[in-house]
Amino acid sequence: MASASAVLFFALQVVLLVEDQIHVVLLAAYGLFSAVAFVLYGADKSAAKQGRWRTSESTLHTIALVGGWPGALVARQVFRHKTVKQPFRTIFWCTVVTNCVALAWFVSEAPFALP
């Protein structure tokens, strides 16, 4: 389900790109932040298992908020990490909703023309 949601989100972005509603840089940014989020979740899970230094939850939430949530969503399932702790889950979903609302605003009301 998580992977399907991420693929669907990126497919929507490709449609928006083809329709000149977003710039390729935005699509690339989502891809980059998603990759970073995936790596951070994997590293944090590994650190948790080995008792090493952990990535802060605020860092994980920030990367999700700025566009890494598709990668974070997949990573949560792949690594079975941060899927039970309720406060984290609630904040995570708030970052997803906030990012999607911001993207919707950008697509519909952006006060500038795309190059």
C-alpha atoms as a PDB file:
ATOM      1  CA  MET A   1       0.000   0.000   0.000  1.00  0.00           C
ATOM      2  CA  ALA A   2       2.798   2.458   0.887  1.00  0.00           C
ATOM      3  CA  SER A   3       4.691   1.795  -2.326  1.00  0.00           C
ATOM      4  CA  ALA A   4       1.506   2.119  -4.372  1.00  0.00           C
ATOM      5  CA  SER A   5       0.753   5.470  -2.717  1.00  0.00           C
ATOM      6  CA  ALA A   6       4.239   6.778  -3.480  1.00  0.00           C
ATOM      7  CA  VAL A   7       4.046   5.577  -7.102  1.00  0.00           C
ATOM      8  CA  LEU A   8       0.611   7.169  -7.481  1.00  0.00           C
ATOM      9  CA  PHE A   9       1.916  10.459  -6.083  1.00  0.00           C
ATOM     10  CA  PHE A  10       4.860  10.503  -8.507  1.00  0.00           C
ATOM     11  CA  ALA A  11       2.553   9.529 -11.391  1.00  0.00           C
ATOM     12  CA  LEU A  12       0.377  12.533 -10.509  1.00  0.00           C
ATOM     13  CA  GLN A  13       3.459  14.723 -10.544  1.00  0.00           C
ATOM     14  CA  VAL A  14       4.424  13.441 -13.992  1.00  0.00           C
ATOM     15  CA  VAL A  15       0.923  14.300 -15.228  1.00  0.00           C
ATOM     16  CA  LEU A  16       1.268  17.797 -13.745  1.00  0.00           C
ATOM     17  CA  LEU A  17       4.676  18.130 -15.388  1.00  0.00           C
ATOM     18  CA  VAL A  18       3.323  17.102 -18.787  1.00  0.00           C
ATOM     19  CA  GLU A  19       0.492  19.622 -18.392  1.00  0.00           C
ATOM     20  CA  ASP A  20       3.006  22.368 -17.485  1.00  0.00           C
ATOM     21  CA  GLN A  21       1.545  22.753 -14.017  1.00  0.00           C
ATOM     22  CA  ILE A  22       4.848  22.094 -12.247  1.00  0.00           C
ATOM     23  CA  HIS A  23       8.490  22.403 -13.219  1.00  0.00           C
ATOM     24  CA  VAL A  24      10.795  19.404 -13.530  1.00  0.00           C
ATOM     25  CA  VAL A  25      12.816  20.814 -10.619  1.00  0.00           C
ATOM     26  CA  LEU A  26       9.876  20.218  -8.287  1.00  0.00           C
ATOM     27  CA  LEU A  27       9.588  16.602  -9.409  1.00  0.00           C
ATOM     28  CA  ALA A  28      13.339  16.173  -8.944  1.00  0.00           C
ATOM     29  CA  ALA A  29      13.161  17.747  -5.476  1.00  0.00           C
ATOM     30  CA  TYR A  30      10.466  15.307  -4.379  1.00  0.00           C
ATOM     31  CA  GLY A  31      12.583  12.452  -5.716  1.00  0.00           C
ATOM     32  CA  LEU A  32      15.714  13.693  -3.961  1.00  0.00           C
ATOM     33  CA  PHE A  33      13.991  14.358  -0.624  1.00  0.00           C
ATOM     34  CA  SER A  34      12.250  10.971  -0.838  1.00  0.00           C
ATOM     35  CA  ALA A  35      15.584   9.230  -1.387  1.00  0.00           C
ATOM     36  CA  VAL A  36      17.107  11.120   1.546  1.00  0.00           C
ATOM     37  CA  ALA A  37      14.148  10.194   3.753  1.00  0.00           C
ATOM     38  CA  PHE A  38      14.437   6.531   2.771  1.00  0.00           C
ATOM     39  CA  VAL A  39      18.137   6.488   3.638  1.00  0.00           C
ATOM     40  CA  LEU A  40      17.569   8.329   6.938  1.00  0.00           C
ATOM     41  CA  TYR A  41      14.874   5.881   8.025  1.00  0.00           C
ATOM     42  CA  GLY A  42      17.082   2.933   7.135  1.00  0.00           C
ATOM     43  CA  ALA A  43      20.044   4.394   8.994  1.00  0.00           C
ATOM     44  CA  ASP A  44      17.883   5.195  12.016  1.00  0.00           C
ATOM     45  CA  LYS A  45      16.483   1.670  12.136  1.00  0.00           C
ATOM     46  CA  SER A  46      19.993   0.243  11.924  1.00  0.00           C
ATOM     47  CA  ALA A  47      21.201   2.596  14.668  1.00  0.00           C
ATOM     48  CA  ALA A  48      18.261   1.633  16.881  1.00  0.00           C
ATOM     49  CA  LYS A  49      19.111  -2.063  16.539  1.00  0.00           C
ATOM     50  CA  GLN A  50      22.789  -1.453  17.326  1.00  0.00           C
ATOM     51  CA  GLY A  51      22.304   1.078  20.129  1.00  0.00           C
ATOM     52  CA  ARG A  52      24.084   3.830  18.190  1.00  0.00           C
ATOM     53  CA  TRP A  53      23.317   7.531  17.683  1.00  0.00           C
ATOM     54  CA  ARG A  54      19.814   8.005  16.237  1.00  0.00           C
ATOM     55  CA  THR A  55      18.354  10.450  13.753  1.00  0.00           C
ATOM     56  CA  SER A  56      16.086  12.852  15.626  1.00  0.00           C
ATOM     57  CA  GLU A  57      12.361  12.587  15.038  1.00  0.00           C
ATOM     58  CA  SER A  58      12.284  16.283  14.182  1.00  0.00           C
ATOM     59  CA  THR A  59      14.756  15.630  11.344  1.00  0.00           C
ATOM     60  CA  LEU A  60      12.595  12.784  10.027  1.00  0.00           C
ATOM     61  CA  HIS A  61       9.505  14.989  10.191  1.00  0.00           C
ATOM     62  CA  THR A  62      11.256  17.925   8.534  1.00  0.00           C
ATOM     63  CA  ILE A  63      12.432  15.863   5.577  1.00  0.00           C
ATOM     64  CA  ALA A  64       8.895  14.489   5.196  1.00  0.00           C
ATOM     65  CA  LEU A  65       7.411  17.982   5.361  1.00  0.00           C
ATOM     66  CA  VAL A  66       9.655  19.427   2.648  1.00  0.00           C
ATOM     67  CA  GLY A  67       8.762  16.659   0.220  1.00  0.00           C
ATOM     68  CA  GLY A  68      10.365  13.437   1.380  1.00  0.00           C
ATOM     69  CA  TRP A  69       7.170  11.889   2.661  1.00  0.00           C
ATOM     70  CA  PRO A  70       6.774   9.410  -0.244  1.00  0.00           C
ATOM     71  CA  GLY A  71      10.214   7.964   0.523  1.00  0.00           C
ATOM     72  CA  ALA A  72       9.504   8.051   4.246  1.00  0.00           C
ATOM     73  CA  LEU A  73       6.207   6.264   3.715  1.00  0.00           C
ATOM     74  CA  VAL A  74       7.896   3.463   1.788  1.00  0.00           C
ATOM     75  CA  ALA A  75      10.807   3.301   4.254  1.00  0.00           C
ATOM     76  CA  ARG A  76       8.465   2.972   7.223  1.00  0.00           C
ATOM     77  CA  GLN A  77       7.079  -0.199   5.676  1.00  0.00           C
ATOM     78  CA  VAL A  78      10.324  -1.590   4.242  1.00  0.00           C
ATOM     79  CA  PHE A  79      12.244  -1.171   7.506  1.00  0.00           C
ATOM     80  CA  ARG A  80       9.207  -1.613   9.791  1.00  0.00           C
ATOM     81  CA  HIS A  81      10.323   1.557  11.493  1.00  0.00           C
ATOM     82  CA  LYS A  82       8.287   4.267  13.208  1.00  0.00           C
ATOM     83  CA  THR A  83       5.039   2.447  12.459  1.00  0.00           C
ATOM     84  CA  VAL A  84       3.731   1.904  16.006  1.00  0.00           C
ATOM     85  CA  LYS A  85       4.633   4.979  18.056  1.00  0.00           C
ATOM     86  CA  GLN A  86       1.401   6.988  17.920  1.00  0.00           C
ATOM     87  CA  PRO A  87       2.721  10.535  18.475  1.00  0.00           C
ATOM     88  CA  PHE A  88       5.225  10.028  15.654  1.00  0.00           C
ATOM     89  CA  ARG A  89       2.577   8.611  13.322  1.00  0.00           C
ATOM     90  CA  THR A  90       0.211  11.501  13.990  1.00  0.00           C
ATOM     91  CA  ILE A  91       2.869  14.124  13.297  1.00  0.00           C
ATOM     92  CA  PHE A  92       4.045  12.211  10.224  1.00  0.00           C
ATOM     93  CA  TRP A  93       0.566  12.236   8.700  1.00  0.00           C
ATOM     94  CA  CYS A  94       0.222  15.935   9.530  1.00  0.00           C
ATOM     95  CA  THR A  95       3.424  16.579   7.542  1.00  0.00           C
ATOM     96  CA  VAL A  96       2.030  14.591   4.605  1.00  0.00           C
ATOM     97  CA  VAL A  97      -1.247  16.518   4.608  1.00  0.00           C
ATOM     98  CA  THR A  98       0.540  19.861   5.015  1.00  0.00           C
ATOM     99  CA  ASN A  99       2.894  19.101   2.136  1.00  0.00           C
ATOM    100  CA  CYS A 100       0.060  17.978  -0.138  1.00  0.00           C
ATOM    101  CA  VAL A 101      -2.005  21.072   0.687  1.00  0.00           C
ATOM    102  CA  ALA A 102       1.006  23.266  -0.072  1.00  0.00           C
ATOM    103  CA  LEU A 103       1.559  21.461  -3.371  1.00  0.00           C
ATOM    104  CA  ALA A 104      -2.128  21.826  -4.280  1.00  0.00           C
ATOM    105  CA  TRP A 105      -1.938  25.546  -3.521  1.00  0.00           C
ATOM    106  CA  PHE A 106       1.241  25.863  -5.569  1.00  0.00           C
ATOM    107  CA  VAL A 107      -0.330  24.145  -8.559  1.00  0.00           C
ATOM    108  CA  SER A 108      -3.591  26.085  -8.420  1.00  0.00           C
ATOM    109  CA  GLU A 109      -2.613  29.515  -7.094  1.00  0.00           C
ATOM    110  CA  ALA A 110       1.103  30.035  -7.620  1.00  0.00           C
ATOM    111  CA  PRO A 111       1.566  33.772  -8.225  1.00  0.00           C
ATOM    112  CA  PHE A 112       4.143  33.275 -10.966  1.00  0.00           C
ATOM    113  CA  ALA A 113       4.410  31.577 -14.320  1.00  0.00           C
ATOM    114  CA  LEU A 114       6.601  28.538 -14.774  1.00  0.00           C
ATOM    115  CA  PRO A 115       9.604  29.036 -17.051  1.00  0.00           C
END
